C-alpha atoms as a PDB file:
ATOM      1  CA  MET A   1     107.818  94.808  61.126  1.00  0.00           C
ATOM      2  CA  ASN A   2     105.110  92.190  60.910  1.00  0.00           C
ATOM      3  CA  ASN A   3     101.723  93.330  62.228  1.00  0.00           C
ATOM      4  CA  ALA A   4     100.412  89.799  62.658  1.00  0.00           C
ATOM      5  CA  ARG A   5      98.369  89.464  65.832  1.00  0.00           C
ATOM      6  CA  TRP A   6      99.356  86.777  68.262  1.00  0.00           C
ATOM      7  CA  PRO A   7      96.566  84.483  69.371  1.00  0.00           C
ATOM      8  CA  THR A   8      95.284  85.107  72.863  1.00  0.00           C
ATOM      9  CA  ALA A   9      93.991  82.647  75.388  1.00  0.00           C
ATOM     10  CA  THR A  10      91.660  83.585  78.199  1.00  0.00           C
ATOM     11  CA  LEU A  11      90.224  81.655  81.089  1.00  0.00           C
ATOM     12  CA  ASP A  12      86.901  82.349  82.738  1.00  0.00           C
ATOM     13  CA  PRO A  13      86.951  83.117  86.484  1.00  0.00           C
ATOM     14  CA  ILE A  14      86.232  79.517  87.547  1.00  0.00           C
ATOM     15  CA  ARG A  15      89.082  78.165  85.432  1.00  0.00           C
ATOM     16  CA  ARG A  16      91.395  80.838  86.837  1.00  0.00           C
ATOM     17  CA  ALA A  17      90.421  79.765  90.362  1.00  0.00           C
ATOM     18  CA  ARG A  18      91.181  76.143  89.438  1.00  0.00           C
ATOM     19  CA  VAL A  19      94.659  77.161  88.218  1.00  0.00           C
ATOM     20  CA  LEU A  20      95.315  79.033  91.462  1.00  0.00           C
ATOM     21  CA  ALA A  21      94.102  76.015  93.449  1.00  0.00           C
ATOM     22  CA  ALA A  22      96.528  73.778  91.562  1.00  0.00           C
ATOM     23  CA  ALA A  23      99.381  76.180  92.287  1.00  0.00           C
ATOM     24  CA  MET A  24      98.540  76.761  95.977  1.00  0.00           C
ATOM     25  CA  PRO A  25      97.476  73.660  97.870  1.00  0.00           C
ATOM     26  CA  GLY A  26      94.695  74.500 100.256  1.00  0.00           C
ATOM     27  CA  GLY A  27      90.969  74.060 100.457  1.00  0.00           C
ATOM     28  CA  PHE A  28      89.051  74.306  97.198  1.00  0.00           C
ATOM     29  CA  VAL A  29      85.349  73.897  96.622  1.00  0.00           C
ATOM     30  CA  GLU A  30      83.281  74.232  93.475  1.00  0.00           C
ATOM     31  CA  ALA A  31      79.497  74.008  93.344  1.00  0.00           C
ATOM     32  CA  VAL A  32      76.390  75.252  91.582  1.00  0.00           C
ATOM     33  CA  LEU A  33      74.248  77.723  93.503  1.00  0.00           C
ATOM     34  CA  ASP A  34      70.537  77.859  92.766  1.00  0.00           C
ATOM     35  CA  VAL A  35      70.416  81.629  92.291  1.00  0.00           C
ATOM     36  CA  PRO A  36      71.105  83.796  89.225  1.00  0.00           C
ATOM     37  CA  TYR A  37      74.677  84.982  88.767  1.00  0.00           C
ATOM     38  CA  ALA A  38      73.859  88.701  89.124  1.00  0.00           C
ATOM     39  CA  ARG A  39      72.270  88.150  92.533  1.00  0.00           C
ATOM     40  CA  ALA A  40      74.979  85.776  93.772  1.00  0.00           C
ATOM     41  CA  TRP A  41      77.920  87.919  92.646  1.00  0.00           C
ATOM     42  CA  ALA A  42      76.398  91.162  93.935  1.00  0.00           C
ATOM     43  CA  TRP A  43      75.905  89.596  97.364  1.00  0.00           C
ATOM     44  CA  LEU A  44      79.316  87.864  97.464  1.00  0.00           C
ATOM     45  CA  THR A  45      81.179  91.050  96.574  1.00  0.00           C
ATOM     46  CA  ASP A  46      79.437  93.076  99.264  1.00  0.00           C
ATOM     47  CA  LEU A  47      82.410  91.939 101.336  1.00  0.00           C
ATOM     48  CA  GLU A  48      81.608  93.879 104.519  1.00  0.00           C
ATOM     49  CA  HIS A  49      78.268  92.086 104.806  1.00  0.00           C
ATOM     50  CA  SER A  50      78.651  88.769 103.017  1.00  0.00           C
ATOM     51  CA  VAL A  51      81.962  87.515 104.426  1.00  0.00           C
ATOM     52  CA  PRO A  52      81.014  87.791 108.129  1.00  0.00           C
ATOM     53  CA  ALA A  53      77.630  86.251 107.265  1.00  0.00           C
ATOM     54  CA  PHE A  54      79.070  83.064 105.740  1.00  0.00           C
ATOM     55  CA  ASP A  55      82.546  82.723 107.295  1.00  0.00           C
ATOM     56  CA  ARG A  56      82.337  81.689 110.944  1.00  0.00           C
ATOM     57  CA  ARG A  57      85.942  82.786 111.514  1.00  0.00           C
ATOM     58  CA  VAL A  58      85.405  86.392 110.411  1.00  0.00           C
ATOM     59  CA  ASP A  59      83.768  88.529 113.053  1.00  0.00           C
ATOM     60  CA  ARG A  60      83.952  91.755 111.057  1.00  0.00           C
ATOM     61  CA  LEU A  61      85.289  93.077 107.766  1.00  0.00           C
ATOM     62  CA  ARG A  62      85.915  96.784 107.228  1.00  0.00           C
ATOM     63  CA  ILE A  63      86.975  98.223 103.861  1.00  0.00           C
ATOM     64  CA  THR A  64      89.628 100.912 104.309  1.00  0.00           C
ATOM     65  CA  ALA A  65      90.251 101.900 100.662  1.00  0.00           C
ATOM     66  CA  ARG A  66      88.857 101.328  97.169  1.00  0.00           C
ATOM     67  CA  ARG A  67      90.260 102.522  93.877  1.00  0.00           C
ATOM     68  CA  PRO A  68      90.251 101.489  90.229  1.00  0.00           C
ATOM     69  CA  ASP A  69      93.134  99.151  89.428  1.00  0.00           C
ATOM     70  CA  PRO A  70      95.613 100.686  86.952  1.00  0.00           C
ATOM     71  CA  ASP A  71      94.674  98.019  84.385  1.00  0.00           C
ATOM     72  CA  GLY A  72      91.169  99.513  84.128  1.00  0.00           C
ATOM     73  CA  VAL A  73      89.561  96.072  84.499  1.00  0.00           C
ATOM     74  CA  ALA A  74      89.489  95.598  88.247  1.00  0.00           C
ATOM     75  CA  GLU A  75      89.112  97.408  91.517  1.00  0.00           C
ATOM     76  CA  ALA A  76      91.826  97.407  94.191  1.00  0.00           C
ATOM     77  CA  ILE A  77      90.475  97.096  97.717  1.00  0.00           C
ATOM     78  CA  SER A  78      92.177  97.253 101.094  1.00  0.00           C
ATOM     79  CA  PHE A  79      90.375  95.912 104.141  1.00  0.00           C
ATOM     80  CA  VAL A  80      90.812  94.615 107.646  1.00  0.00           C
ATOM     81  CA  ALA A  81      89.181  91.322 108.591  1.00  0.00           C
ATOM     82  CA  THR A  82      88.835  90.599 112.263  1.00  0.00           C
ATOM     83  CA  ARG A  83      89.231  86.884 112.960  1.00  0.00           C
ATOM     84  CA  HIS A  84      88.867  85.735 116.537  1.00  0.00           C
ATOM     85  CA  ARG A  85      89.353  89.364 117.643  1.00  0.00           C
ATOM     86  CA  LEU A  86      92.658  89.650 115.764  1.00  0.00           C
ATOM     87  CA  PRO A  87      92.764  92.187 112.904  1.00  0.00           C
ATOM     88  CA  LEU A  88      94.355  90.969 109.673  1.00  0.00           C
ATOM     89  CA  ALA A  89      95.067  93.420 106.823  1.00  0.00           C
ATOM     90  CA  PHE A  90      94.208  92.320 103.280  1.00  0.00           C
ATOM     91  CA  THR A  91      94.441  93.647  99.773  1.00  0.00           C
ATOM     92  CA  ALA A  92      92.061  92.413  97.107  1.00  0.00           C
ATOM     93  CA  ARG A  93      91.657  92.535  93.359  1.00  0.00           C
ATOM     94  CA  LEU A  94      87.988  92.494  92.426  1.00  0.00           C
ATOM     95  CA  GLU A  95      86.837  92.077  88.857  1.00  0.00           C
ATOM     96  CA  GLU A  96      83.720  90.657  87.275  1.00  0.00           C
ATOM     97  CA  GLY A  97      83.434  87.066  88.508  1.00  0.00           C
ATOM     98  CA  LEU A  98      86.748  86.946  90.381  1.00  0.00           C
ATOM     99  CA  CYS A  99      87.961  88.252  93.731  1.00  0.00           C
ATOM    100  CA  VAL A 100      91.494  87.457  94.927  1.00  0.00           C
ATOM    101  CA  MET A 101      92.233  88.483  98.509  1.00  0.00           C
ATOM    102  CA  ARG A 102      95.707  88.358 100.062  1.00  0.00           C
ATOM    103  CA  ALA A 103      96.660  88.882 103.670  1.00  0.00           C
ATOM    104  CA  ARG A 104      99.690  91.029 104.390  1.00  0.00           C
ATOM    105  CA  GLY A 105     102.853  89.107 103.577  1.00  0.00           C
ATOM    106  CA  ARG A 106     100.828  86.723 101.387  1.00  0.00           C
ATOM    107  CA  ALA A 107     100.439  84.480 104.415  1.00  0.00           C
ATOM    108  CA  PHE A 108      96.833  83.707 103.496  1.00  0.00           C
ATOM    109  CA  VAL A 109      94.976  83.839 100.164  1.00  0.00           C
ATOM    110  CA  VAL A 110      91.249  83.601  99.502  1.00  0.00           C
ATOM    111  CA  VAL A 111      89.792  83.370  95.995  1.00  0.00           C
ATOM    112  CA  MET A 112      86.093  83.616  95.140  1.00  0.00           C
ATOM    113  CA  ALA A 113      84.997  83.033  91.560  1.00  0.00           C
ATOM    114  CA  ALA A 114      81.643  82.793  89.836  1.00  0.00           C
ATOM    115  CA  VAL A 115      80.155  82.423  86.367  1.00  0.00           C
ATOM    116  CA  PRO A 116      76.573  82.091  85.161  1.00  0.00           C
ATOM    117  CA  GLU A 117      75.325  78.512  84.865  1.00  0.00           C
ATOM    118  CA  GLY A 118      72.322  78.976  82.626  1.00  0.00           C
ATOM    119  CA  ALA A 119      69.848  81.750  83.369  1.00  0.00           C
ATOM    120  CA  ASP A 120      68.995  80.925  86.970  1.00  0.00           C
ATOM    121  CA  ARG A 121      72.095  79.372  88.499  1.00  0.00           C
ATOM    122  CA  THR A 122      75.685  80.249  89.329  1.00  0.00           C
ATOM    123  CA  ARG A 123      78.814  78.118  89.292  1.00  0.00           C
ATOM    124  CA  TYR A 124      80.882  79.176  92.313  1.00  0.00           C
ATOM    125  CA  ALA A 125      84.406  78.288  93.407  1.00  0.00           C
ATOM    126  CA  GLN A 126      86.362  79.220  96.497  1.00  0.00           C
ATOM    127  CA  LEU A 127      89.971  78.649  97.464  1.00  0.00           C
ATOM    128  CA  GLU A 128      91.682  79.241 100.791  1.00  0.00           C
ATOM    129  CA  ALA A 129      95.413  78.633 100.999  1.00  0.00           C
ATOM    130  CA  ALA A 130      98.645  79.607 102.708  1.00  0.00           C
ATOM    131  CA  PRO A 131     101.140  79.833  99.818  1.00  0.00           C
ATOM    132  CA  LEU A 132     104.180  79.871 102.092  1.00  0.00           C
ATOM    133  CA  PRO A 133     106.547  77.044 102.993  1.00  0.00           C
ATOM    134  CA  GLY A 134     104.652  74.738 105.312  1.00  0.00           C
ATOM    135  CA  GLY A 135     101.269  75.939 104.049  1.00  0.00           C
ATOM    136  CA  ARG A 136     100.434  72.431 102.911  1.00  0.00           C
ATOM    137  CA  LEU A 137     100.237  71.436 106.587  1.00  0.00           C
ATOM    138  CA  LEU A 138      97.076  73.544 106.885  1.00  0.00           C
ATOM    139  CA  GLN A 139      95.344  71.942 103.908  1.00  0.00           C
ATOM    140  CA  ARG A 140      92.860  69.842 105.931  1.00  0.00           C
ATOM    141  CA  HIS A 141      91.919  72.930 107.936  1.00  0.00           C
ATOM    142  CA  PHE A 142      91.303  74.916 104.732  1.00  0.00           C
ATOM    143  CA  VAL A 143      89.229  72.082 103.215  1.00  0.00           C
ATOM    144  CA  ARG A 144      86.893  72.153 106.234  1.00  0.00           C
ATOM    145  CA  ASP A 145      86.683  75.950 106.118  1.00  0.00           C
ATOM    146  CA  VAL A 146      85.701  76.222 102.448  1.00  0.00           C
ATOM    147  CA  GLN A 147      83.096  73.479 102.853  1.00  0.00           C
ATOM    148  CA  HIS A 148      81.607  75.320 105.823  1.00  0.00           C
ATOM    149  CA  ASP A 149      81.719  78.615 103.897  1.00  0.00           C
ATOM    150  CA  LEU A 150      79.833  77.037 100.995  1.00  0.00           C
ATOM    151  CA  GLN A 151      77.102  75.893 103.392  1.00  0.00           C
ATOM    152  CA  GLY A 152      76.903  79.440 104.780  1.00  0.00           C
ATOM    153  CA  ILE A 153      76.725  80.954 101.300  1.00  0.00           C
ATOM    154  CA  ARG A 154      73.917  78.612 100.301  1.00  0.00           C
ATOM    155  CA  ALA A 155      72.002  79.391 103.495  1.00  0.00           C
ATOM    156  CA  GLN A 156      72.366  83.158 103.021  1.00  0.00           C
ATOM    157  CA  LEU A 157      71.407  83.112  99.348  1.00  0.00           C
ATOM    158  CA  SER A 158      68.337  80.942  99.950  1.00  0.00           C
ATOM    159  CA  ARG A 159      66.765  83.652 102.096  1.00  0.00           C
END
């Protein structure tokens, strides 16, 4: 048997978010934040505090379970986000620079991605989509939401 190693290709978190955005039409935003990556990513992934602070549609987010993902690279998180007083159950995969959140039944997907942009800045991307038949009809709504979320993120991180 030949022990030759196959070449591998990897994508950074922003490029992975771009691929997901191409596959799931929705709202996608990409921008540079004027804060170091470590600070931005630590705040963004404090989901119980950051999401309700920047997303006007989320009143509350409560994590119900956390465990290491079997792949050893990520963390699996379960949470309930309350939107307009309606609880919505999510699962999330959180790894360095990438968080993919899916509502029960995959009716709604949110992706947050970040990479360092030099020493003092962070490139950030966010996707919101409904990857079900008819989800494209919500695209304009998702575009407005991610733009508003980006404004909220910038406001929170500038404090």
